């Protein structure tokens, strides 16, 4: 009986070791694959921004990077998982004041109250709260270029004009009043990855998928795009389309 128990124990131990080797090996192989040029740049920016925030950070697992050098139709908001060595990218809207002709390109940043423009710089994310757009993430600007973020109520939130259906109809996202607006599904990830004590960075980086720099955008003299028949809600809030 004792010998039989020992053999069973050895068999189970050997099977467990084999199972571990089969599950661990693919992960080690995947992690050994090098990142592309764009992702290496994003990781570098993420670590730099974390160093800048220093002791203000509560958590150091994720950094959000909004690349407003790309058009709003492109996945330009990057969740940089510093600890997990992974980057996932999604779409984000910019402010009406940054894109008056409404063609999907951010022309400029502003930190001024009432500008309805997006602000560049480093932000700290605070806790969730319930506001005009439901659950939102409060932001505090750490630079002179976004120091009015709290006063301007610049936050992260979900919006209908950031949904895939809006993009399919208009070819670009709608515009916010300067906030980082995302689709409902993508914002749920923001709540998970960026809520409370992490860092968010916004700038016109213009990093293409392969790491190449997208040519700086020069706004043309065109007539602003508007819906054919604005609804009462759209007339009350120009940021909904």
C-alpha atoms as a PDB file:
ATOM      1  CA  UNK A   1       0.000   0.000   0.000  1.00  0.00           C
ATOM      2  CA  UNK A   2       2.833   2.397   0.874  1.00  0.00           C
ATOM      3  CA  UNK A   3       4.702   1.656  -2.378  1.00  0.00           C
ATOM      4  CA  UNK A   4       1.512   2.153  -4.393  1.00  0.00           C
ATOM      5  CA  UNK A   5       0.898   5.521  -2.712  1.00  0.00           C
ATOM      6  CA  UNK A   6       4.450   6.604  -3.448  1.00  0.00           C
ATOM      7  CA  UNK A   7       4.091   5.680  -7.130  1.00  0.00           C
ATOM      8  CA  UNK A   8       0.831   7.579  -7.389  1.00  0.00           C
ATOM      9  CA  UNK A   9       2.451  10.610  -5.719  1.00  0.00           C
ATOM     10  CA  UNK A  10       5.409  10.476  -8.121  1.00  0.00           C
ATOM     11  CA  UNK A  11       3.041  10.177 -11.096  1.00  0.00           C
ATOM     12  CA  UNK A  12       1.002  13.192  -9.984  1.00  0.00           C
ATOM     13  CA  UNK A  13       4.144  15.245  -9.337  1.00  0.00           C
ATOM     14  CA  UNK A  14       5.538  14.389 -12.767  1.00  0.00           C
ATOM     15  CA  UNK A  15       2.251  15.234 -14.490  1.00  0.00           C
ATOM     16  CA  UNK A  16       2.044  18.568 -12.647  1.00  0.00           C
ATOM     17  CA  UNK A  17       5.599  19.488 -13.654  1.00  0.00           C
ATOM     18  CA  UNK A  18       4.896  18.590 -17.276  1.00  0.00           C
ATOM     19  CA  UNK A  19       1.722  20.672 -17.245  1.00  0.00           C
ATOM     20  CA  UNK A  20       3.569  23.663 -15.844  1.00  0.00           C
ATOM     21  CA  UNK A  21       6.290  23.371 -18.479  1.00  0.00           C
ATOM     22  CA  UNK A  22       3.677  23.302 -21.243  1.00  0.00           C
ATOM     23  CA  UNK A  23       1.869  26.390 -19.947  1.00  0.00           C
ATOM     24  CA  UNK A  24       4.927  28.455 -19.059  1.00  0.00           C
ATOM     25  CA  UNK A  25       7.025  27.840 -22.170  1.00  0.00           C
ATOM     26  CA  UNK A  26       4.711  29.633 -24.651  1.00  0.00           C
ATOM     27  CA  UNK A  27       4.520  32.691 -22.381  1.00  0.00           C
ATOM     28  CA  UNK A  28       8.303  32.934 -22.144  1.00  0.00           C
ATOM     29  CA  UNK A  29       8.561  32.639 -25.926  1.00  0.00           C
ATOM     30  CA  UNK A  30       5.915  35.343 -26.469  1.00  0.00           C
ATOM     31  CA  UNK A  31       7.613  37.773 -24.104  1.00  0.00           C
ATOM     32  CA  UNK A  32      10.906  37.317 -25.915  1.00  0.00           C
ATOM     33  CA  UNK A  33       9.442  38.782 -29.126  1.00  0.00           C
ATOM     34  CA  UNK A  34      10.618  42.391 -29.642  1.00  0.00           C
ATOM     35  CA  UNK A  35       8.143  45.268 -29.787  1.00  0.00           C
ATOM     36  CA  UNK A  36       7.805  47.402 -32.895  1.00  0.00           C
ATOM     37  CA  UNK A  37       9.243  50.909 -33.093  1.00  0.00           C
ATOM     38  CA  UNK A  38       5.954  52.612 -32.182  1.00  0.00           C
ATOM     39  CA  UNK A  39       5.427  50.499 -29.070  1.00  0.00           C
ATOM     40  CA  UNK A  40       9.015  50.999 -27.914  1.00  0.00           C
ATOM     41  CA  UNK A  41       8.484  54.757 -28.157  1.00  0.00           C
ATOM     42  CA  UNK A  42       5.204  54.514 -26.243  1.00  0.00           C
ATOM     43  CA  UNK A  43       6.796  52.476 -23.460  1.00  0.00           C
ATOM     44  CA  UNK A  44       9.574  55.052 -23.195  1.00  0.00           C
ATOM     45  CA  UNK A  45       7.047  57.904 -22.984  1.00  0.00           C
ATOM     46  CA  UNK A  46       5.011  56.008 -20.383  1.00  0.00           C
ATOM     47  CA  UNK A  47       7.996  55.468 -18.093  1.00  0.00           C
ATOM     48  CA  UNK A  48       9.092  59.092 -18.504  1.00  0.00           C
ATOM     49  CA  UNK A  49       5.632  60.316 -17.501  1.00  0.00           C
ATOM     50  CA  UNK A  50       5.574  58.038 -14.476  1.00  0.00           C
ATOM     51  CA  UNK A  51       8.936  59.429 -13.365  1.00  0.00           C
ATOM     52  CA  UNK A  52       7.565  62.936 -13.832  1.00  0.00           C
ATOM     53  CA  UNK A  53       4.529  62.223 -11.625  1.00  0.00           C
ATOM     54  CA  UNK A  54       6.759  60.572  -9.030  1.00  0.00           C
ATOM     55  CA  UNK A  55       5.230  60.130  -5.599  1.00  0.00           C
ATOM     56  CA  UNK A  56       1.869  61.464  -6.798  1.00  0.00           C
ATOM     57  CA  UNK A  57       1.135  58.085  -8.380  1.00  0.00           C
ATOM     58  CA  UNK A  58      -0.930  55.558  -6.483  1.00  0.00           C
ATOM     59  CA  UNK A  59      -0.491  52.822  -9.082  1.00  0.00           C
ATOM     60  CA  UNK A  60       2.207  52.176 -11.685  1.00  0.00           C
ATOM     61  CA  UNK A  61       0.678  49.391 -13.754  1.00  0.00           C
ATOM     62  CA  UNK A  62      -0.928  51.414 -16.598  1.00  0.00           C
ATOM     63  CA  UNK A  63      -0.287  54.710 -18.361  1.00  0.00           C
ATOM     64  CA  UNK A  64      -2.720  56.306 -20.810  1.00  0.00           C
ATOM     65  CA  UNK A  65      -1.255  58.078 -23.864  1.00  0.00           C
ATOM     66  CA  UNK A  66      -3.484  60.113 -26.190  1.00  0.00           C
ATOM     67  CA  UNK A  67      -1.777  60.784 -29.526  1.00  0.00           C
ATOM     68  CA  UNK A  68      -3.665  63.713 -31.039  1.00  0.00           C
ATOM     69  CA  UNK A  69      -1.287  63.816 -33.979  1.00  0.00           C
ATOM     70  CA  UNK A  70      -3.549  61.167 -35.537  1.00  0.00           C
ATOM     71  CA  UNK A  71      -7.078  61.638 -36.874  1.00  0.00           C
ATOM     72  CA  UNK A  72     -10.010  60.800 -34.595  1.00  0.00           C
ATOM     73  CA  UNK A  73     -10.924  57.875 -36.862  1.00  0.00           C
ATOM     74  CA  UNK A  74      -7.682  56.136 -35.822  1.00  0.00           C
ATOM     75  CA  UNK A  75      -6.992  54.144 -32.611  1.00  0.00           C
ATOM     76  CA  UNK A  76      -4.905  56.861 -30.959  1.00  0.00           C
ATOM     77  CA  UNK A  77      -5.525  56.338 -27.239  1.00  0.00           C
ATOM     78  CA  UNK A  78      -3.034  53.796 -25.930  1.00  0.00           C
ATOM     79  CA  UNK A  79      -3.360  51.814 -22.716  1.00  0.00           C
ATOM     80  CA  UNK A  80       0.288  51.104 -21.953  1.00  0.00           C
ATOM     81  CA  UNK A  81       0.558  48.162 -19.562  1.00  0.00           C
ATOM     82  CA  UNK A  82       4.007  48.867 -18.144  1.00  0.00           C
ATOM     83  CA  UNK A  83       3.988  45.859 -15.830  1.00  0.00           C
ATOM     84  CA  UNK A  84       2.383  43.477 -18.327  1.00  0.00           C
ATOM     85  CA  UNK A  85       4.528  44.635 -21.283  1.00  0.00           C
ATOM     86  CA  UNK A  86       1.515  45.185 -23.553  1.00  0.00           C
ATOM     87  CA  UNK A  87      -0.190  48.042 -25.424  1.00  0.00           C
ATOM     88  CA  UNK A  88      -3.844  48.187 -26.517  1.00  0.00           C
ATOM     89  CA  UNK A  89      -5.119  51.095 -28.608  1.00  0.00           C
ATOM     90  CA  UNK A  90      -8.591  52.622 -29.000  1.00  0.00           C
ATOM     91  CA  UNK A  91     -10.285  55.751 -30.331  1.00  0.00           C
ATOM     92  CA  UNK A  92     -10.773  58.972 -28.396  1.00  0.00           C
ATOM     93  CA  UNK A  93     -12.441  62.280 -29.259  1.00  0.00           C
ATOM     94  CA  UNK A  94     -10.951  65.759 -28.973  1.00  0.00           C
ATOM     95  CA  UNK A  95     -12.548  69.154 -28.269  1.00  0.00           C
ATOM     96  CA  UNK A  96     -14.611  71.344 -30.595  1.00  0.00           C
ATOM     97  CA  UNK A  97     -12.246  74.245 -29.995  1.00  0.00           C
ATOM     98  CA  UNK A  98      -9.345  72.143 -31.238  1.00  0.00           C
ATOM     99  CA  UNK A  99     -11.156  71.162 -34.446  1.00  0.00           C
ATOM    100  CA  UNK A 100     -13.516  73.985 -35.522  1.00  0.00           C
ATOM    101  CA  UNK A 101     -13.931  72.679 -39.085  1.00  0.00           C
ATOM    102  CA  UNK A 102     -14.885  69.261 -37.680  1.00  0.00           C
ATOM    103  CA  UNK A 103     -12.805  67.128 -40.037  1.00  0.00           C
ATOM    104  CA  UNK A 104     -11.377  64.800 -37.388  1.00  0.00           C
ATOM    105  CA  UNK A 105      -7.971  66.468 -37.013  1.00  0.00           C
ATOM    106  CA  UNK A 106      -6.838  68.354 -33.926  1.00  0.00           C
ATOM    107  CA  UNK A 107      -5.449  71.722 -35.014  1.00  0.00           C
ATOM    108  CA  UNK A 108      -4.262  73.113 -31.685  1.00  0.00           C
ATOM    109  CA  UNK A 109      -4.430  72.776 -27.911  1.00  0.00           C
ATOM    110  CA  UNK A 110      -5.719  75.284 -25.368  1.00  0.00           C
ATOM    111  CA  UNK A 111      -5.773  75.551 -21.586  1.00  0.00           C
ATOM    112  CA  UNK A 112      -8.202  78.468 -21.535  1.00  0.00           C
ATOM    113  CA  UNK A 113     -11.566  78.330 -19.805  1.00  0.00           C
ATOM    114  CA  UNK A 114     -14.395  78.386 -22.323  1.00  0.00           C
ATOM    115  CA  UNK A 115     -12.176  77.305 -25.213  1.00  0.00           C
ATOM    116  CA  UNK A 116     -13.793  73.833 -25.480  1.00  0.00           C
ATOM    117  CA  UNK A 117     -10.364  72.705 -26.669  1.00  0.00           C
ATOM    118  CA  UNK A 118      -8.220  69.744 -25.708  1.00  0.00           C
ATOM    119  CA  UNK A 119      -5.199  70.461 -23.508  1.00  0.00           C
ATOM    120  CA  UNK A 120      -1.756  68.912 -23.921  1.00  0.00           C
ATOM    121  CA  UNK A 121       0.359  67.678 -21.041  1.00  0.00           C
ATOM    122  CA  UNK A 122       0.524  65.230 -18.167  1.00  0.00           C
ATOM    123  CA  UNK A 123      -2.588  64.448 -16.131  1.00  0.00           C
ATOM    124  CA  UNK A 124      -3.204  62.573 -12.901  1.00  0.00           C
ATOM    125  CA  UNK A 125      -6.325  60.424 -12.843  1.00  0.00           C
ATOM    126  CA  UNK A 126      -8.498  60.612  -9.750  1.00  0.00           C
ATOM    127  CA  UNK A 127     -11.533  58.634  -8.632  1.00  0.00           C
ATOM    128  CA  UNK A 128     -14.769  57.988 -10.484  1.00  0.00           C
ATOM    129  CA  UNK A 129     -17.820  60.198 -10.101  1.00  0.00           C
ATOM    130  CA  UNK A 130     -21.253  60.427 -11.682  1.00  0.00           C
ATOM    131  CA  UNK A 131     -21.683  63.455 -13.927  1.00  0.00           C
ATOM    132  CA  UNK A 132     -23.448  64.629 -17.063  1.00  0.00           C
ATOM    133  CA  UNK A 133     -22.189  61.630 -19.052  1.00  0.00           C
ATOM    134  CA  UNK A 134     -22.604  59.080 -16.273  1.00  0.00           C
ATOM    135  CA  UNK A 135     -19.562  57.559 -14.620  1.00  0.00           C
ATOM    136  CA  UNK A 136     -16.498  59.659 -15.410  1.00  0.00           C
ATOM    137  CA  UNK A 137     -12.835  59.831 -14.382  1.00  0.00           C
ATOM    138  CA  UNK A 138     -11.702  63.134 -12.910  1.00  0.00           C
ATOM    139  CA  UNK A 139      -8.379  64.541 -14.173  1.00  0.00           C
ATOM    140  CA  UNK A 140      -5.876  67.024 -12.755  1.00  0.00           C
ATOM    141  CA  UNK A 141      -3.363  68.745 -15.030  1.00  0.00           C
ATOM    142  CA  UNK A 142       0.258  68.726 -13.881  1.00  0.00           C
ATOM    143  CA  UNK A 143       1.633  71.148 -16.513  1.00  0.00           C
ATOM    144  CA  UNK A 144       1.087  74.810 -17.281  1.00  0.00           C
ATOM    145  CA  UNK A 145      -0.489  73.647 -20.565  1.00  0.00           C
ATOM    146  CA  UNK A 146      -3.315  71.794 -18.761  1.00  0.00           C
ATOM    147  CA  UNK A 147      -3.325  73.397 -15.304  1.00  0.00           C
ATOM    148  CA  UNK A 148      -7.002  74.395 -15.638  1.00  0.00           C
ATOM    149  CA  UNK A 149      -8.238  70.839 -16.170  1.00  0.00           C
ATOM    150  CA  UNK A 150     -10.082  70.638 -12.848  1.00  0.00           C
ATOM    151  CA  UNK A 151     -11.662  74.085 -13.241  1.00  0.00           C
ATOM    152  CA  UNK A 152     -12.705  73.274 -16.819  1.00  0.00           C
ATOM    153  CA  UNK A 153     -14.104  69.880 -15.756  1.00  0.00           C
ATOM    154  CA  UNK A 154     -11.872  68.087 -18.255  1.00  0.00           C
ATOM    155  CA  UNK A 155     -12.501  64.388 -17.580  1.00  0.00           C
ATOM    156  CA  UNK A 156     -12.661  60.988 -19.238  1.00  0.00           C
ATOM    157  CA  UNK A 157     -16.185  59.825 -20.110  1.00  0.00           C
ATOM    158  CA  UNK A 158     -18.253  57.770 -22.540  1.00  0.00           C
ATOM    159  CA  UNK A 159     -20.144  59.427 -25.397  1.00  0.00           C
ATOM    160  CA  UNK A 160     -22.478  58.395 -28.206  1.00  0.00           C
ATOM    161  CA  UNK A 161     -20.391  60.383 -30.705  1.00  0.00           C
ATOM    162  CA  UNK A 162     -17.451  58.070 -29.994  1.00  0.00           C
ATOM    163  CA  UNK A 163     -19.349  54.869 -30.823  1.00  0.00           C
ATOM    164  CA  UNK A 164     -18.471  52.765 -33.903  1.00  0.00           C
ATOM    165  CA  UNK A 165     -21.870  53.588 -35.437  1.00  0.00           C
ATOM    166  CA  UNK A 166     -21.029  57.286 -35.415  1.00  0.00           C
ATOM    167  CA  UNK A 167     -17.664  56.612 -37.046  1.00  0.00           C
ATOM    168  CA  UNK A 168     -19.315  54.445 -39.718  1.00  0.00           C
ATOM    169  CA  UNK A 169     -21.746  57.251 -40.587  1.00  0.00           C
ATOM    170  CA  UNK A 170     -19.510  60.305 -40.453  1.00  0.00           C
ATOM    171  CA  UNK A 171     -16.016  58.920 -41.000  1.00  0.00           C
ATOM    172  CA  UNK A 172     -14.692  60.497 -37.802  1.00  0.00           C
ATOM    173  CA  UNK A 173     -15.700  60.819 -34.162  1.00  0.00           C
ATOM    174  CA  UNK A 174     -17.727  63.693 -32.795  1.00  0.00           C
ATOM    175  CA  UNK A 175     -16.157  66.379 -30.639  1.00  0.00           C
ATOM    176  CA  UNK A 176     -16.183  66.899 -26.897  1.00  0.00           C
ATOM    177  CA  UNK A 177     -15.862  70.116 -24.900  1.00  0.00           C
ATOM    178  CA  UNK A 178     -12.218  69.260 -24.333  1.00  0.00           C
ATOM    179  CA  UNK A 179     -12.729  65.938 -22.543  1.00  0.00           C
ATOM    180  CA  UNK A 180     -11.301  62.530 -23.434  1.00  0.00           C
ATOM    181  CA  UNK A 181     -14.492  60.901 -24.738  1.00  0.00           C
ATOM    182  CA  UNK A 182     -14.601  57.225 -25.712  1.00  0.00           C
ATOM    183  CA  UNK A 183     -17.138  54.602 -26.714  1.00  0.00           C
ATOM    184  CA  UNK A 184     -18.945  52.778 -23.927  1.00  0.00           C
ATOM    185  CA  UNK A 185     -16.959  49.552 -24.374  1.00  0.00           C
ATOM    186  CA  UNK A 186     -13.602  51.350 -24.525  1.00  0.00           C
ATOM    187  CA  UNK A 187     -14.399  53.584 -21.567  1.00  0.00           C
ATOM    188  CA  UNK A 188     -15.113  50.539 -19.425  1.00  0.00           C
ATOM    189  CA  UNK A 189     -11.485  49.570 -20.030  1.00  0.00           C
ATOM    190  CA  UNK A 190     -10.434  53.082 -19.024  1.00  0.00           C
ATOM    191  CA  UNK A 191     -12.309  52.661 -15.745  1.00  0.00           C
ATOM    192  CA  UNK A 192     -10.455  49.401 -15.177  1.00  0.00           C
ATOM    193  CA  UNK A 193      -6.984  50.484 -16.289  1.00  0.00           C
ATOM    194  CA  UNK A 194      -6.743  54.214 -15.541  1.00  0.00           C
ATOM    195  CA  UNK A 195      -9.126  55.031 -12.710  1.00  0.00           C
ATOM    196  CA  UNK A 196      -7.521  56.407  -9.550  1.00  0.00           C
ATOM    197  CA  UNK A 197      -3.909  57.504  -9.191  1.00  0.00           C
ATOM    198  CA  UNK A 198      -2.395  56.753 -12.587  1.00  0.00           C
ATOM    199  CA  UNK A 199      -0.936  59.039 -15.226  1.00  0.00           C
ATOM    200  CA  UNK A 200      -2.371  60.124 -18.588  1.00  0.00           C
ATOM    201  CA  UNK A 201      -0.342  61.985 -21.220  1.00  0.00           C
ATOM    202  CA  UNK A 202      -1.695  63.942 -24.199  1.00  0.00           C
ATOM    203  CA  UNK A 203       0.310  65.400 -27.089  1.00  0.00           C
ATOM    204  CA  UNK A 204       0.562  65.532 -30.897  1.00  0.00           C
ATOM    205  CA  UNK A 205       3.005  62.638 -31.275  1.00  0.00           C
ATOM    206  CA  UNK A 206       1.802  61.461 -34.683  1.00  0.00           C
ATOM    207  CA  UNK A 207       3.078  57.904 -34.225  1.00  0.00           C
ATOM    208  CA  UNK A 208       1.890  55.665 -37.058  1.00  0.00           C
ATOM    209  CA  UNK A 209       1.375  51.891 -36.594  1.00  0.00           C
ATOM    210  CA  UNK A 210       4.944  51.153 -37.716  1.00  0.00           C
ATOM    211  CA  UNK A 211       6.464  53.956 -35.652  1.00  0.00           C
ATOM    212  CA  UNK A 212       6.758  56.366 -38.547  1.00  0.00           C
ATOM    213  CA  UNK A 213       5.837  59.986 -37.861  1.00  0.00           C
ATOM    214  CA  UNK A 214       2.619  61.092 -39.535  1.00  0.00           C
ATOM    215  CA  UNK A 215       3.043  64.383 -41.380  1.00  0.00           C
ATOM    216  CA  UNK A 216       1.909  67.382 -39.291  1.00  0.00           C
ATOM    217  CA  UNK A 217      -1.618  68.357 -40.232  1.00  0.00           C
ATOM    218  CA  UNK A 218      -2.338  71.763 -41.798  1.00  0.00           C
ATOM    219  CA  UNK A 219      -6.059  72.600 -41.663  1.00  0.00           C
ATOM    220  CA  UNK A 220      -7.553  73.487 -45.063  1.00  0.00           C
ATOM    221  CA  UNK A 221     -10.055  76.278 -45.640  1.00  0.00           C
ATOM    222  CA  UNK A 222     -13.231  74.209 -45.811  1.00  0.00           C
ATOM    223  CA  UNK A 223     -16.840  74.528 -44.697  1.00  0.00           C
ATOM    224  CA  UNK A 224     -17.462  72.822 -41.324  1.00  0.00           C
ATOM    225  CA  UNK A 225     -19.256  69.481 -41.581  1.00  0.00           C
ATOM    226  CA  UNK A 226     -22.635  69.343 -39.839  1.00  0.00           C
ATOM    227  CA  UNK A 227     -25.539  66.872 -39.780  1.00  0.00           C
ATOM    228  CA  UNK A 228     -28.217  67.393 -42.415  1.00  0.00           C
ATOM    229  CA  UNK A 229     -30.973  67.872 -39.809  1.00  0.00           C
ATOM    230  CA  UNK A 230     -29.655  68.527 -36.279  1.00  0.00           C
ATOM    231  CA  UNK A 231     -31.837  67.197 -33.495  1.00  0.00           C
ATOM    232  CA  UNK A 232     -32.827  69.285 -30.488  1.00  0.00           C
ATOM    233  CA  UNK A 233     -30.104  67.559 -28.459  1.00  0.00           C
ATOM    234  CA  UNK A 234     -27.476  68.330 -31.089  1.00  0.00           C
ATOM    235  CA  UNK A 235     -28.526  71.970 -31.208  1.00  0.00           C
ATOM    236  CA  UNK A 236     -28.239  72.227 -27.443  1.00  0.00           C
ATOM    237  CA  UNK A 237     -24.837  70.546 -27.340  1.00  0.00           C
ATOM    238  CA  UNK A 238     -22.627  70.775 -30.442  1.00  0.00           C
ATOM    239  CA  UNK A 239     -20.373  68.109 -29.007  1.00  0.00           C
ATOM    240  CA  UNK A 240     -22.816  65.271 -29.673  1.00  0.00           C
ATOM    241  CA  UNK A 241     -22.048  64.896 -33.379  1.00  0.00           C
END
